[in-house]
């Protein structure tokens, strides 16, 4: 079955795509959404060209689309995009990296029924500790690029998700960051032809994102 993958540039969406491929799905395209300005990714606030470069390093085609802030307008834009790719490439499913937030799954199930595609959720229902260790052991390297200021300090920015990272997390913090405690950028792994290199970055506090520290990546290759 041909599928599209929702691509945030983070570990969960990346690993979900990897698992979907291993399950025999034909991943035909990645969808990445930006803010209405087209400058930054909608999910993690990363610069759109950086996400595009990352996807290029996997060799998979990516479609970046600016999306409106209104939820219903967003839904209609996504609906139109899915219908277009059903006609263009024959996609019959969409890969999601969600793990356990039921309200997300309810929305996904309802949306996929409406556009008549299969929701592919290879991470759904997994134990988060087992899942993050599988991501690490599979060879994916993810860098922390955003943290909630009230959950983790800016000193966590730029750290690689490894076993030491997991051991040092406060037990109250989800090791996958599923509740938004932290976000990541995958820089290498089995899907990559070559790694993404972060050459220059600095921490910035963005209050308009609800007091999050972000790693402002200025140079990369």
Protein backbone atom coordinates (compact mmCIF):
# COMPACT_ATOMS: atom_id res chain seq x y z
CA UNK A 1 0.00 0.00 0.00
CA UNK A 2 1.24 3.46 -0.90
CA UNK A 3 1.24 5.87 2.03
CA UNK A 4 2.22 9.42 2.94
CA UNK A 5 4.07 10.17 6.16
CA UNK A 6 3.35 13.17 8.37
CA UNK A 7 6.84 14.51 8.97
CA UNK A 8 7.61 16.83 11.89
CA UNK A 9 11.40 16.21 11.63
CA UNK A 10 11.31 14.69 15.13
CA UNK A 11 12.02 11.19 16.36
CA UNK A 12 8.45 9.92 16.58
CA UNK A 13 7.37 10.82 13.06
CA UNK A 14 10.70 9.60 11.70
CA UNK A 15 10.55 6.28 13.54
CA UNK A 16 6.90 5.78 12.59
CA UNK A 17 7.87 6.13 8.93
CA UNK A 18 10.76 3.71 9.45
CA UNK A 19 8.46 1.16 11.09
CA UNK A 20 5.86 1.58 8.36
CA UNK A 21 8.47 0.79 5.72
CA UNK A 22 9.61 -2.25 7.70
CA UNK A 23 5.98 -3.43 7.79
CA UNK A 24 5.86 -3.34 3.99
CA UNK A 25 4.19 0.00 3.32
CA UNK A 26 5.38 1.98 0.31
CA UNK A 27 6.23 5.42 1.72
CA UNK A 28 5.73 7.64 -1.31
CA UNK A 29 5.93 11.16 0.12
CA UNK A 30 6.44 13.13 3.33
CA UNK A 31 4.08 15.93 4.33
CA UNK A 32 5.54 18.75 6.42
CA UNK A 33 3.46 21.72 7.46
CA UNK A 34 4.64 25.22 8.18
CA UNK A 35 3.05 28.24 9.79
CA UNK A 36 1.02 30.44 7.47
CA UNK A 37 4.12 32.56 6.80
CA UNK A 38 5.94 29.50 5.46
CA UNK A 39 9.03 30.31 7.53
CA UNK A 40 8.90 27.76 10.35
CA UNK A 41 7.54 24.26 10.75
CA UNK A 42 4.16 24.11 12.44
CA UNK A 43 4.98 21.38 14.94
CA UNK A 44 8.46 22.19 16.28
CA UNK A 45 9.15 25.74 15.11
CA UNK A 46 12.15 24.68 13.00
CA UNK A 47 13.12 26.72 9.96
CA UNK A 48 11.35 25.28 6.93
CA UNK A 49 14.55 25.04 4.81
CA UNK A 50 16.19 23.02 7.60
CA UNK A 51 13.36 20.46 7.59
CA UNK A 52 13.50 20.34 3.79
CA UNK A 53 17.26 19.69 3.92
CA UNK A 54 16.76 16.94 6.51
CA UNK A 55 14.21 15.19 4.32
CA UNK A 56 16.52 15.45 1.31
CA UNK A 57 19.15 13.53 3.29
CA UNK A 58 16.71 10.62 3.59
CA UNK A 59 16.17 10.59 -0.17
CA UNK A 60 12.40 10.71 0.28
CA UNK A 61 10.31 13.35 -1.51
CA UNK A 62 8.81 15.99 0.76
CA UNK A 63 5.91 18.39 0.29
CA UNK A 64 5.97 21.47 2.48
CA UNK A 65 2.74 23.37 2.82
CA UNK A 66 1.89 26.56 4.70
CA UNK A 67 -1.21 25.96 6.83
CA UNK A 68 -3.72 28.37 8.36
CA UNK A 69 -3.95 28.76 12.12
CA UNK A 70 -7.69 28.13 12.24
CA UNK A 71 -8.36 24.45 13.02
CA UNK A 72 -11.20 23.99 10.56
CA UNK A 73 -9.28 25.77 7.79
CA UNK A 74 -6.28 23.52 8.59
CA UNK A 75 -8.48 20.45 8.29
CA UNK A 76 -9.83 21.55 4.92
CA UNK A 77 -6.32 22.25 3.58
CA UNK A 78 -5.11 18.84 4.74
CA UNK A 79 -8.15 17.22 3.21
CA UNK A 80 -7.43 18.85 -0.15
CA UNK A 81 -3.77 17.78 0.03
CA UNK A 82 -4.65 14.15 0.76
CA UNK A 83 -7.20 14.03 -2.07
CA UNK A 84 -4.62 15.51 -4.46
CA UNK A 85 -2.06 12.84 -3.57
CA UNK A 86 -4.62 10.07 -3.81
CA UNK A 87 -5.09 11.10 -7.42
CA UNK A 88 -1.43 11.88 -8.12
CA UNK A 89 0.30 8.88 -6.54
CA UNK A 90 -2.45 6.56 -5.39
CA UNK A 91 -1.73 6.90 -1.68
CA UNK A 92 -4.19 4.91 0.42
CA UNK A 93 -2.88 5.60 3.93
CA UNK A 94 -1.17 8.16 6.13
CA UNK A 95 1.55 7.39 8.69
CA UNK A 96 1.22 9.09 12.09
CA UNK A 97 3.74 9.07 14.95
CA UNK A 98 1.25 9.37 17.82
CA UNK A 99 1.74 7.12 20.83
CA UNK A 100 -1.07 7.43 23.37
CA UNK A 101 -2.99 10.73 23.37
CA UNK A 102 -6.53 9.50 22.72
CA UNK A 103 -7.89 12.86 21.55
CA UNK A 104 -5.27 12.85 18.80
CA UNK A 105 -6.24 9.34 17.71
CA UNK A 106 -9.93 10.23 17.72
CA UNK A 107 -9.22 13.16 15.37
CA UNK A 108 -7.00 10.99 13.14
CA UNK A 109 -9.58 8.20 12.90
CA UNK A 110 -12.39 10.62 12.05
CA UNK A 111 -10.29 12.49 9.47
CA UNK A 112 -9.06 9.33 7.75
CA UNK A 113 -12.59 7.97 7.53
CA UNK A 114 -13.68 11.20 5.86
CA UNK A 115 -10.91 11.17 3.24
CA UNK A 116 -11.08 7.38 2.88
CA UNK A 117 -7.49 6.47 3.71
CA UNK A 118 -6.06 4.08 6.29
CA UNK A 119 -4.46 5.56 9.43
CA UNK A 120 -1.09 3.83 9.88
CA UNK A 121 0.02 4.20 13.51
CA UNK A 122 2.92 1.81 14.20
CA UNK A 123 3.81 3.48 17.53
CA UNK A 124 0.30 3.58 18.96
CA UNK A 125 -0.10 1.92 22.35
CA UNK A 126 3.60 1.23 22.83
CA UNK A 127 5.20 1.48 26.26
CA UNK A 128 7.08 4.79 26.04
CA UNK A 129 10.20 3.55 27.84
CA UNK A 130 10.48 0.51 25.58
CA UNK A 131 9.77 2.65 22.53
CA UNK A 132 12.44 5.29 23.18
CA UNK A 133 15.02 2.57 23.82
CA UNK A 134 14.07 0.89 20.54
CA UNK A 135 14.50 4.19 18.71
CA UNK A 136 17.95 4.61 20.26
CA UNK A 137 18.99 0.99 19.67
CA UNK A 138 17.82 1.14 16.04
CA UNK A 139 20.52 3.72 15.38
CA UNK A 140 18.52 6.93 15.18
CA UNK A 141 20.24 10.02 16.52
CA UNK A 142 17.94 12.80 17.64
CA UNK A 143 18.93 16.17 19.11
CA UNK A 144 16.77 18.08 21.59
CA UNK A 145 15.70 21.31 19.89
CA UNK A 146 12.89 22.52 22.20
CA UNK A 147 11.91 22.08 25.85
CA UNK A 148 9.08 23.35 28.01
CA UNK A 149 10.65 25.89 30.33
CA UNK A 150 8.69 24.53 33.31
CA UNK A 151 9.71 20.92 32.59
CA UNK A 152 13.36 21.07 31.47
CA UNK A 153 15.97 23.84 31.46
CA UNK A 154 17.79 25.24 28.47
CA UNK A 155 20.82 23.09 29.39
CA UNK A 156 18.95 20.15 27.84
CA UNK A 157 18.98 21.80 24.42
CA UNK A 158 21.39 20.20 21.97
CA UNK A 159 21.60 16.94 23.89
CA UNK A 160 21.42 13.68 22.00
CA UNK A 161 18.65 11.28 22.95
CA UNK A 162 20.58 8.34 24.36
CA UNK A 163 20.37 6.03 27.36
CA UNK A 164 22.14 8.58 29.58
CA UNK A 165 19.58 11.20 28.59
CA UNK A 166 16.71 8.86 29.53
CA UNK A 167 18.33 7.92 32.86
CA UNK A 168 18.74 11.60 33.82
CA UNK A 169 15.17 12.64 33.02
CA UNK A 170 12.85 13.46 35.89
CA UNK A 171 10.51 10.45 36.29
CA UNK A 172 7.56 12.81 35.77
CA UNK A 173 8.79 13.65 32.26
CA UNK A 174 7.58 11.31 29.52
CA UNK A 175 10.72 9.70 28.02
CA UNK A 176 9.22 10.22 24.56
CA UNK A 177 8.11 13.78 25.33
CA UNK A 178 4.62 12.85 24.14
CA UNK A 179 3.03 15.59 26.26
CA UNK A 180 5.25 18.22 24.68
CA UNK A 181 7.94 18.29 27.38
CA UNK A 182 10.61 18.29 24.67
CA UNK A 183 10.93 18.07 20.90
CA UNK A 184 13.70 16.67 18.75
CA UNK A 185 15.35 16.89 15.36
CA UNK A 186 16.56 13.59 13.91
CA UNK A 187 20.05 14.07 12.44
CA UNK A 188 20.99 10.51 11.47
CA UNK A 189 19.74 6.95 11.37
CA UNK A 190 18.74 4.05 9.12
CA UNK A 191 16.57 6.26 6.89
CA UNK A 192 19.41 8.71 6.22
CA UNK A 193 21.89 8.57 3.34
CA UNK A 194 24.18 10.89 5.29
CA UNK A 195 23.83 12.77 8.60
CA UNK A 196 22.55 16.29 9.05
CA UNK A 197 25.24 18.38 10.73
CA UNK A 198 24.37 21.23 13.09
CA UNK A 199 27.21 23.74 12.77
CA UNK A 200 26.00 26.72 14.79
CA UNK A 201 23.11 27.13 17.23
CA UNK A 202 22.08 29.09 20.32
CA UNK A 203 19.25 28.85 22.87
CA UNK A 204 16.36 31.32 22.66
CA UNK A 205 13.27 31.69 24.86
CA UNK A 206 10.05 32.07 22.91
CA UNK A 207 7.16 33.10 25.13
CA UNK A 208 4.67 33.09 22.27
CA UNK A 209 5.06 29.29 22.26
CA UNK A 210 4.08 29.07 25.94
CA UNK A 211 7.53 29.58 27.48
CA UNK A 212 9.64 27.14 25.49
CA UNK A 213 13.39 27.17 25.09
CA UNK A 214 14.34 26.56 21.47
CA UNK A 215 17.64 25.70 19.85
CA UNK A 216 17.97 28.35 17.16
CA UNK A 217 19.95 26.51 14.47
CA UNK A 218 21.76 29.13 12.44
CA UNK A 219 24.06 26.97 10.30
CA UNK A 220 23.78 23.38 9.18
CA UNK A 221 24.94 21.10 6.40
